[in-house]
Every structure is written in structure tokens, then in C-alpha cells.
Protein backbone atom coordinates (compact mmCIF):
# COMPACT_ATOMS: atom_id res chain seq x y z
CA MET A 1 239.29 4.41 74.91
CA CYS A 2 241.00 7.80 75.21
CA LYS A 3 243.71 6.85 72.73
CA ASP A 4 241.11 6.21 70.03
CA ILE A 5 239.83 9.79 70.19
CA PRO A 6 241.57 12.42 68.00
CA TRP A 7 241.76 14.98 70.79
CA LYS A 8 244.09 17.42 69.04
CA THR A 9 242.04 17.53 65.84
CA LEU A 10 238.81 17.91 67.78
CA SER A 11 240.37 20.75 69.77
CA GLU A 12 241.28 22.59 66.58
CA ALA A 13 237.84 22.11 65.05
CA TYR A 14 236.03 23.36 68.15
CA ALA A 15 238.40 26.32 68.46
CA PHE A 16 237.75 27.45 64.89
CA VAL A 17 233.97 27.38 65.27
CA GLY A 18 234.06 28.86 68.76
CA ASN A 19 236.19 31.82 67.72
CA SER A 20 234.05 32.35 64.61
CA LEU A 21 230.96 32.76 66.80
CA LEU A 22 232.48 35.34 69.12
CA ARG A 23 233.57 38.08 66.74
CA PRO A 24 232.51 39.17 63.24
CA MET A 25 234.67 38.06 60.34
CA THR A 26 235.87 41.61 59.66
CA MET A 27 237.65 41.38 63.05
CA THR A 28 238.97 37.84 62.73
CA SER A 29 240.30 35.44 60.10
CA THR A 30 238.62 35.15 56.70
CA VAL A 31 239.82 31.57 56.22
CA GLY A 32 236.23 30.31 56.35
CA LEU A 33 235.70 31.81 52.89
CA ASP A 34 238.60 29.83 51.41
CA PRO A 35 237.42 26.64 49.67
CA ALA A 36 240.84 25.08 50.27
CA PHE A 37 240.37 25.46 54.02
CA TRP A 38 237.22 23.36 53.92
CA LYS A 39 238.77 20.82 51.59
CA ALA A 40 241.39 20.24 54.32
CA PHE A 41 238.96 20.41 57.25
CA PRO A 42 238.85 17.15 59.26
CA VAL A 43 235.80 14.96 58.66
CA PHE A 44 236.76 12.27 61.22
CA ASP A 45 235.81 9.45 58.82
CA ASP A 46 232.19 10.38 59.47
CA ASN A 47 229.78 10.77 56.55
CA ALA A 48 227.56 13.28 58.33
CA VAL A 49 230.54 15.48 59.18
CA ALA A 50 231.84 15.16 55.63
CA ARG A 51 228.52 16.31 54.14
CA ALA A 52 228.38 19.32 56.47
CA VAL A 53 231.95 20.28 55.60
CA GLU A 54 231.21 19.90 51.90
CA ALA A 55 228.30 22.32 52.26
CA CYS A 56 230.69 24.88 53.78
CA ALA A 57 233.11 24.32 50.92
CA CYS A 58 230.30 24.99 48.45
CA TYR A 59 229.43 28.21 50.29
CA ALA A 60 233.08 29.28 50.13
CA GLU A 61 233.23 28.54 46.41
CA GLY A 62 230.17 30.69 45.88
CA ALA A 63 231.72 33.44 47.99
CA ALA A 64 234.86 33.32 45.84
CA GLN A 65 232.75 33.79 42.72
CA ARG A 66 230.88 36.69 44.28
CA THR A 67 234.19 38.27 45.30
CA GLU A 68 235.32 38.16 41.68
CA ALA A 69 232.11 39.99 40.84
CA GLY A 70 232.99 42.71 43.35
CA GLU A 71 231.34 41.60 46.58
CA ASP A 72 233.05 42.07 49.94
CA GLY A 73 232.74 38.53 51.33
CA PRO A 74 233.90 39.19 54.91
CA GLN A 75 231.59 42.20 55.14
CA ARG A 76 228.65 40.08 53.99
CA VAL A 77 229.37 37.47 56.66
CA SER A 78 229.84 40.17 59.29
CA VAL A 79 226.46 41.70 58.47
CA GLU A 80 224.95 38.22 58.84
CA TYR A 81 226.76 37.84 62.17
CA THR A 82 225.30 41.11 63.46
CA ARG A 83 221.78 40.24 62.38
CA LEU A 84 221.94 36.80 63.96
CA PHE A 85 223.82 37.37 67.19
CA VAL A 86 223.67 41.09 67.99
CA GLY A 87 220.73 42.94 66.46
CA PRO A 88 219.24 45.55 66.42
CA PRO A 89 216.83 45.41 67.96
CA SER A 90 217.70 41.96 69.31
CA PRO A 91 219.54 38.88 68.04
CA ALA A 92 217.58 36.85 65.51
CA ALA A 93 219.27 33.74 66.93
CA PRO A 94 220.41 34.35 70.53
CA PRO A 95 223.74 32.54 71.06
CA TRP A 96 223.22 31.78 74.78
CA GLU A 97 222.20 28.40 76.14
CA THR A 98 219.84 29.97 78.67
CA MET A 99 217.55 31.05 75.82
CA TYR A 100 216.98 27.41 74.82
CA ARG A 101 216.44 25.84 78.25
CA GLY A 102 212.77 26.78 78.51
CA LYS A 103 209.81 28.26 76.66
CA ASP A 104 209.48 31.98 76.02
CA VAL A 105 212.81 32.82 77.66
CA THR A 106 213.70 36.44 76.89
CA VAL A 107 216.69 37.04 79.17
CA GLY A 108 220.03 35.57 78.15
CA PHE A 109 221.31 34.99 81.67
CA GLY A 110 220.30 32.02 83.77
CA GLN A 111 221.29 28.71 85.30
CA PRO A 112 223.45 27.61 82.32
CA THR A 113 225.45 30.82 82.77
CA PHE A 114 226.24 29.93 86.37
CA GLU A 115 227.04 26.33 85.39
CA MET A 116 229.51 27.49 82.76
CA ARG A 117 231.08 30.00 85.14
CA GLU A 118 231.78 27.21 87.61
CA LEU A 119 233.17 24.89 84.93
CA LEU A 120 235.47 27.61 83.63
CA ARG A 121 236.62 28.49 87.14
CA ALA A 122 237.33 24.86 87.98
CA ALA A 123 239.41 24.56 84.81
CA GLY A 124 241.39 27.69 85.66
CA LEU A 125 239.95 29.58 82.71
CA GLU A 126 238.67 33.13 82.51
CA VAL A 127 236.45 34.71 79.88
CA ARG A 128 238.01 37.78 78.34
CA ASN A 129 236.16 39.31 75.41
CA ALA A 130 235.37 42.82 74.34
CA ASN A 131 231.65 42.11 74.10
CA ASN A 132 231.32 40.82 77.69
CA GLN A 133 229.41 37.76 76.53
CA TYR A 134 227.65 35.52 79.02
CA GLU A 135 229.58 32.35 79.74
CA ASP A 136 226.89 30.11 78.23
CA HIS A 137 227.54 31.58 74.75
CA MET A 138 227.93 28.75 72.21
CA GLY A 139 231.31 30.12 71.17
CA ILE A 140 232.59 30.05 74.76
CA GLU A 141 231.24 26.54 75.35
CA LEU A 142 233.05 25.29 72.25
CA LEU A 143 236.28 27.04 73.27
CA TYR A 144 236.02 25.46 76.72
CA LEU A 145 235.57 22.05 75.09
CA SER A 146 238.49 22.82 72.78
CA GLU A 147 240.70 23.45 75.80
CA LEU A 148 239.63 20.18 77.46
CA CYS A 149 240.49 18.33 74.25
CA ARG A 150 243.83 20.13 74.00
CA ARG A 151 244.73 19.07 77.53
CA GLU A 152 243.76 15.48 76.77
CA ALA A 153 245.92 15.56 73.63
CA MET A 154 248.90 16.72 75.69
CA GLY A 155 248.28 14.16 78.41
CA LYS A 156 247.46 16.91 80.89
CA GLY A 157 243.73 16.39 81.16
CA ALA A 158 242.47 16.91 84.69
CA ALA A 159 238.85 16.07 83.86
CA GLU A 160 237.64 12.50 83.60
CA VAL A 161 236.64 11.52 80.08
CA ALA A 162 233.19 10.77 81.50
CA ASP A 163 232.99 14.40 82.63
CA ILE A 164 233.85 15.58 79.11
CA ALA A 165 231.13 13.32 77.72
CA ALA A 166 228.65 14.72 80.23
CA PHE A 167 229.59 18.29 79.28
CA VAL A 168 229.14 17.61 75.57
CA GLU A 169 225.70 16.10 76.13
CA ARG A 170 224.48 18.58 78.75
CA HIS A 171 225.73 21.77 77.18
CA PRO A 172 226.60 22.37 73.49
CA LEU A 173 224.99 19.25 72.04
CA SER A 174 221.78 19.73 74.03
CA TRP A 175 220.92 23.05 72.36
CA ILE A 176 222.91 23.41 69.15
CA GLY A 177 220.00 21.89 67.18
CA PRO A 178 217.41 24.52 68.20
CA PHE A 179 220.08 27.21 67.88
CA LEU A 180 220.85 26.06 64.33
CA ASP A 181 217.13 26.07 63.54
CA ARG A 182 216.88 29.73 64.58
CA VAL A 183 219.95 30.62 62.51
CA SER A 184 218.67 28.75 59.44
CA GLU A 185 215.24 30.37 59.72
CA ALA A 186 216.70 33.86 59.95
CA VAL A 187 219.34 33.45 57.21
CA PRO A 188 218.64 30.37 55.06
CA GLY A 189 221.75 29.06 53.34
CA GLY A 190 223.98 31.51 55.20
CA TYR A 191 227.53 31.11 56.39
CA PHE A 192 226.66 30.44 60.02
CA ALA A 193 224.02 27.82 59.27
CA GLY A 194 226.74 25.80 57.56
CA LEU A 195 229.27 26.46 60.29
CA LEU A 196 226.90 25.39 63.06
CA LEU A 197 225.90 22.25 61.17
CA VAL A 198 229.58 21.28 61.05
CA ALA A 199 229.83 21.88 64.81
CA GLN A 200 226.70 19.83 65.46
CA ARG A 201 227.95 16.89 63.41
CA VAL A 202 231.38 16.98 65.07
CA LEU A 203 229.76 17.08 68.51
CA GLU A 204 227.54 14.12 67.61
CA HIS A 205 230.53 12.16 66.36
CA HIS A 206 232.55 13.05 69.46
CA ALA A 207 229.68 11.98 71.71
CA ARG A 208 229.57 8.59 70.01
CA LEU A 209 233.31 8.12 70.53
CA LEU A 210 233.01 9.05 74.18
CA ALA A 211 230.14 6.62 74.68
CA ARG A 212 232.20 3.62 73.58
């Protein structure tokens, strides 16, 4: 079962999205605005993933055209990032799992934070970021999953595949849908709506592979 899962490619896909959610584009890579990047992005022979990736490619093509007209593409995406995940006065789409575990939750620190802290500790990982994000941030969850996949790809996985499947279902996949809804409502057709749809489709595909 494990050999049928493209662990290395999954690791790279999760790492790209995870890193993109943790810092604005003006402070990271601008590769997400390159249509060629999306043309080469893995689709895992999955139609739903392929459609999501194609939507990101279309966004990038539009961004290239706007750049030719004088727009600063990375700055536009960074402004979107700030509105969605930072504020002011508060994030339009809070990026922490705690905010999606119950109704009318207003504090982004709760049980999922403690669960992620324990998972990271058990894996020998430590969160180091300038923004001091809570551990149940979607970007951190995807980077944690990326590391598990990387270890599996290298034959150094300490976690049981069943544990990875449980993590996917219990954590990122359980709340990425409502998170995406908040993002899409705040910035329809934006960069991060497309990016999160790709992540959702990859997670769904990965979950199906793990369930075999």
C-alpha cells in the first residue's frame, strides 16, 4: 500500500501550500504567479486536482497580463494575504483550526492547538516563525504533513500509515472546506481561494489512497 503512494510529490505539494500560507508573497517566492509553475504542478492523475490546478494556472496567466499593464502582482497577493489572515481589525478568514471546531468561536487557541503541539513534539519538530502562529495554523498542519510524507519517501517514517491517514482526516481535511468558504467569501476569485482548493483536492486524493 505504501509503495503506491507518491510520498515525495505529496510532500512537495503540501510544503508549497503550507509555506504560502505562513508569509505574504512579498516575503517569499513569487513562483505561484508563474503559469509555467502550475502547468508543471502534480495532478496525481486525479481530475479534481487537475481542475483546481488549472484554475490556479488561469489566475497566474491573468496576473501576468496585469503585470504587463503595470500591476505589482506579488503586492496584490500580499494585500489579499493580510486581509484574509491578519487584518485589521481581524482576519477575514482565520487560519487556525480552533476557529472551525465549534460555533461562534472567537479565540484562535484551543484543543486543536494542544493536539498539534503534541504531534509536533512527538515528531521532533519545533515551530519557528516570526509571527508566532498557533500550531493549528493550516500552513503549519500542511508543513507537518509534508514532513511525514518526506520521511515516508526516504523510508524513515516513524508514524504508521494509519496514523497519517487519521491526521489527514482529523486535522487539515476536516476544516479546509469551511476555511476555503471563508476565504472565497472574503475575496472571490482570489489567489488563496485557488491555492486552498488545490490543497483540498490533494488532501482528498491522499485520503483515498490511504484508505485503500
